[in-house]
């Protein structure tokens, strides 16, 4: 009789452990990564563009940084947040000749359960004479 109780206790413990292993992934945080694309064009004295994504939430209120390439670290010229259409604009005055590009910053939102990550992107370089 003692062996039967011991075997039942062992099987119960094994069953609880197996259920815990199955239940933990269901409670784990899920990360969803969403691509973003930043475009840029110039029309002196402002650079402007749009952040595009399959998810509208990754287009709005995104931080965009404008850089000028130079020897050494590139120079940050300004930042803007996209509007409700994903559009941004940064005025550079005076505009110097050189190579310019924009970056959209990575952003993550969410709480326990699902975290949405809007990926960063860099635009094509535009040369200004």
C-alpha atoms as a PDB file:
ATOM      1  CA  UNK A   1       0.000   0.000   0.000  1.00  0.00           C
ATOM      2  CA  UNK A   2       2.891   2.324   0.789  1.00  0.00           C
ATOM      3  CA  UNK A   3       4.314   1.782  -2.723  1.00  0.00           C
ATOM      4  CA  UNK A   4       0.986   2.666  -4.340  1.00  0.00           C
ATOM      5  CA  UNK A   5       0.760   5.981  -2.445  1.00  0.00           C
ATOM      6  CA  UNK A   6       4.359   6.743  -3.284  1.00  0.00           C
ATOM      7  CA  UNK A   7       3.795   5.989  -6.957  1.00  0.00           C
ATOM      8  CA  UNK A   8       0.630   8.170  -7.030  1.00  0.00           C
ATOM      9  CA  UNK A   9       2.529  11.022  -5.341  1.00  0.00           C
ATOM     10  CA  UNK A  10       5.373  10.677  -7.863  1.00  0.00           C
ATOM     11  CA  UNK A  11       2.961  10.646 -10.835  1.00  0.00           C
ATOM     12  CA  UNK A  12       1.093  13.656  -9.433  1.00  0.00           C
ATOM     13  CA  UNK A  13       4.345  15.561  -9.082  1.00  0.00           C
ATOM     14  CA  UNK A  14       5.389  14.635 -12.620  1.00  0.00           C
ATOM     15  CA  UNK A  15       1.988  15.744 -13.938  1.00  0.00           C
ATOM     16  CA  UNK A  16       2.237  19.109 -12.153  1.00  0.00           C
ATOM     17  CA  UNK A  17       5.763  19.642 -13.534  1.00  0.00           C
ATOM     18  CA  UNK A  18       4.630  18.789 -17.073  1.00  0.00           C
ATOM     19  CA  UNK A  19       1.696  21.193 -16.837  1.00  0.00           C
ATOM     20  CA  UNK A  20       4.004  23.940 -15.580  1.00  0.00           C
ATOM     21  CA  UNK A  21       6.324  23.447 -18.558  1.00  0.00           C
ATOM     22  CA  UNK A  22       3.367  23.725 -20.949  1.00  0.00           C
ATOM     23  CA  UNK A  23       1.803  26.736 -19.187  1.00  0.00           C
ATOM     24  CA  UNK A  24       4.968  28.887 -18.916  1.00  0.00           C
ATOM     25  CA  UNK A  25       5.304  29.618 -22.675  1.00  0.00           C
ATOM     26  CA  UNK A  26       1.653  30.653 -22.765  1.00  0.00           C
ATOM     27  CA  UNK A  27       2.399  33.287 -20.105  1.00  0.00           C
ATOM     28  CA  UNK A  28       5.668  34.444 -21.698  1.00  0.00           C
ATOM     29  CA  UNK A  29       5.984  37.825 -23.371  1.00  0.00           C
ATOM     30  CA  UNK A  30       5.716  37.827 -27.144  1.00  0.00           C
ATOM     31  CA  UNK A  31       7.693  40.341 -29.234  1.00  0.00           C
ATOM     32  CA  UNK A  32       6.328  41.425 -32.614  1.00  0.00           C
ATOM     33  CA  UNK A  33       8.872  43.237 -34.828  1.00  0.00           C
ATOM     34  CA  UNK A  34       7.496  45.562 -37.493  1.00  0.00           C
ATOM     35  CA  UNK A  35       9.571  47.002 -40.341  1.00  0.00           C
ATOM     36  CA  UNK A  36       9.715  50.753 -40.927  1.00  0.00           C
ATOM     37  CA  UNK A  37      10.996  52.725 -43.918  1.00  0.00           C
ATOM     38  CA  UNK A  38      12.049  56.375 -43.801  1.00  0.00           C
ATOM     39  CA  UNK A  39      12.139  58.409 -46.994  1.00  0.00           C
ATOM     40  CA  UNK A  40      13.777  61.775 -47.483  1.00  0.00           C
ATOM     41  CA  UNK A  41      13.873  64.515 -50.096  1.00  0.00           C
ATOM     42  CA  UNK A  42      15.252  68.018 -49.983  1.00  0.00           C
ATOM     43  CA  UNK A  43      13.779  71.346 -50.815  1.00  0.00           C
ATOM     44  CA  UNK A  44      15.941  74.091 -49.360  1.00  0.00           C
ATOM     45  CA  UNK A  45      15.931  75.105 -46.569  1.00  0.00           C
ATOM     46  CA  UNK A  46      14.009  72.030 -45.328  1.00  0.00           C
ATOM     47  CA  UNK A  47      14.477  68.301 -45.598  1.00  0.00           C
ATOM     48  CA  UNK A  48      11.252  66.347 -45.429  1.00  0.00           C
ATOM     49  CA  UNK A  49       9.972  62.840 -45.852  1.00  0.00           C
ATOM     50  CA  UNK A  50       7.729  60.133 -44.567  1.00  0.00           C
ATOM     51  CA  UNK A  51       7.917  57.080 -42.341  1.00  0.00           C
ATOM     52  CA  UNK A  52       6.111  54.127 -43.898  1.00  0.00           C
ATOM     53  CA  UNK A  53       5.108  50.837 -42.300  1.00  0.00           C
ATOM     54  CA  UNK A  54       2.539  48.073 -42.618  1.00  0.00           C
ATOM     55  CA  UNK A  55       1.358  49.079 -39.142  1.00  0.00           C
ATOM     56  CA  UNK A  56       0.027  52.657 -38.875  1.00  0.00           C
ATOM     57  CA  UNK A  57       1.148  52.868 -35.239  1.00  0.00           C
ATOM     58  CA  UNK A  58       4.741  52.610 -36.489  1.00  0.00           C
ATOM     59  CA  UNK A  59       4.253  55.666 -38.721  1.00  0.00           C
ATOM     60  CA  UNK A  60       2.909  58.203 -36.233  1.00  0.00           C
ATOM     61  CA  UNK A  61       4.852  60.046 -33.527  1.00  0.00           C
ATOM     62  CA  UNK A  62       8.171  58.518 -34.619  1.00  0.00           C
ATOM     63  CA  UNK A  63      11.385  60.384 -33.905  1.00  0.00           C
ATOM     64  CA  UNK A  64      13.378  61.222 -37.043  1.00  0.00           C
ATOM     65  CA  UNK A  65      16.956  62.525 -36.920  1.00  0.00           C
ATOM     66  CA  UNK A  66      18.723  64.372 -39.757  1.00  0.00           C
ATOM     67  CA  UNK A  67      22.491  63.960 -40.176  1.00  0.00           C
ATOM     68  CA  UNK A  68      25.205  65.450 -42.394  1.00  0.00           C
ATOM     69  CA  UNK A  69      28.031  63.088 -43.257  1.00  0.00           C
ATOM     70  CA  UNK A  70      31.527  64.269 -42.423  1.00  0.00           C
ATOM     71  CA  UNK A  71      34.872  62.823 -41.500  1.00  0.00           C
ATOM     72  CA  UNK A  72      34.558  61.424 -38.020  1.00  0.00           C
ATOM     73  CA  UNK A  73      31.134  61.153 -36.409  1.00  0.00           C
ATOM     74  CA  UNK A  74      28.279  62.454 -38.564  1.00  0.00           C
ATOM     75  CA  UNK A  75      26.720  65.725 -37.408  1.00  0.00           C
ATOM     76  CA  UNK A  76      23.168  65.685 -36.026  1.00  0.00           C
ATOM     77  CA  UNK A  77      21.358  68.690 -37.542  1.00  0.00           C
ATOM     78  CA  UNK A  78      17.918  68.308 -36.026  1.00  0.00           C
ATOM     79  CA  UNK A  79      15.052  66.068 -35.011  1.00  0.00           C
ATOM     80  CA  UNK A  80      11.316  65.953 -35.611  1.00  0.00           C
ATOM     81  CA  UNK A  81       8.387  63.693 -34.759  1.00  0.00           C
ATOM     82  CA  UNK A  82       6.165  62.397 -37.510  1.00  0.00           C
ATOM     83  CA  UNK A  83       2.598  63.656 -37.706  1.00  0.00           C
ATOM     84  CA  UNK A  84      -0.564  61.531 -37.987  1.00  0.00           C
ATOM     85  CA  UNK A  85       0.290  60.828 -41.653  1.00  0.00           C
ATOM     86  CA  UNK A  86       3.884  59.813 -40.922  1.00  0.00           C
ATOM     87  CA  UNK A  87       5.336  63.010 -42.385  1.00  0.00           C
ATOM     88  CA  UNK A  88       8.292  64.882 -40.955  1.00  0.00           C
ATOM     89  CA  UNK A  89      10.234  68.083 -41.764  1.00  0.00           C
ATOM     90  CA  UNK A  90      13.521  69.538 -40.518  1.00  0.00           C
ATOM     91  CA  UNK A  91      14.700  73.014 -41.519  1.00  0.00           C
ATOM     92  CA  UNK A  92      18.446  73.476 -42.045  1.00  0.00           C
ATOM     93  CA  UNK A  93      19.459  77.107 -42.386  1.00  0.00           C
ATOM     94  CA  UNK A  94      22.021  77.852 -43.695  1.00  0.00           C
ATOM     95  CA  UNK A  95      22.211  74.783 -45.916  1.00  0.00           C
ATOM     96  CA  UNK A  96      25.790  73.696 -46.641  1.00  0.00           C
ATOM     97  CA  UNK A  97      26.893  71.461 -49.460  1.00  0.00           C
ATOM     98  CA  UNK A  98      27.381  67.868 -48.402  1.00  0.00           C
ATOM     99  CA  UNK A  99      25.718  64.494 -48.017  1.00  0.00           C
ATOM    100  CA  UNK A 100      22.612  64.206 -45.815  1.00  0.00           C
ATOM    101  CA  UNK A 101      20.506  61.314 -44.526  1.00  0.00           C
ATOM    102  CA  UNK A 102      17.685  60.689 -42.066  1.00  0.00           C
ATOM    103  CA  UNK A 103      17.208  57.997 -39.449  1.00  0.00           C
ATOM    104  CA  UNK A 104      13.976  56.875 -37.834  1.00  0.00           C
ATOM    105  CA  UNK A 105      14.575  55.676 -34.283  1.00  0.00           C
ATOM    106  CA  UNK A 106      13.527  52.222 -33.042  1.00  0.00           C
ATOM    107  CA  UNK A 107      10.490  52.297 -30.766  1.00  0.00           C
ATOM    108  CA  UNK A 108       8.898  49.620 -28.623  1.00  0.00           C
ATOM    109  CA  UNK A 109       5.519  49.676 -26.937  1.00  0.00           C
ATOM    110  CA  UNK A 110       3.496  47.235 -24.954  1.00  0.00           C
ATOM    111  CA  UNK A 111       3.185  45.623 -21.600  1.00  0.00           C
ATOM    112  CA  UNK A 112       3.208  42.077 -20.340  1.00  0.00           C
ATOM    113  CA  UNK A 113       1.911  39.849 -23.071  1.00  0.00           C
ATOM    114  CA  UNK A 114       2.842  41.431 -26.397  1.00  0.00           C
ATOM    115  CA  UNK A 115       5.547  44.006 -27.089  1.00  0.00           C
ATOM    116  CA  UNK A 116       5.461  45.723 -30.485  1.00  0.00           C
ATOM    117  CA  UNK A 117       8.831  46.866 -31.828  1.00  0.00           C
ATOM    118  CA  UNK A 118       8.918  49.392 -34.681  1.00  0.00           C
ATOM    119  CA  UNK A 119      12.309  48.851 -36.277  1.00  0.00           C
ATOM    120  CA  UNK A 120      14.742  51.661 -37.060  1.00  0.00           C
ATOM    121  CA  UNK A 121      15.692  52.635 -40.616  1.00  0.00           C
ATOM    122  CA  UNK A 122      18.074  54.922 -42.485  1.00  0.00           C
ATOM    123  CA  UNK A 123      17.189  56.814 -45.646  1.00  0.00           C
ATOM    124  CA  UNK A 124      19.218  57.042 -48.826  1.00  0.00           C
ATOM    125  CA  UNK A 125      21.937  59.706 -48.823  1.00  0.00           C
ATOM    126  CA  UNK A 126      21.091  62.944 -50.629  1.00  0.00           C
ATOM    127  CA  UNK A 127      23.933  65.098 -51.979  1.00  0.00           C
ATOM    128  CA  UNK A 128      23.468  68.863 -51.838  1.00  0.00           C
ATOM    129  CA  UNK A 129      25.754  71.111 -53.897  1.00  0.00           C
END
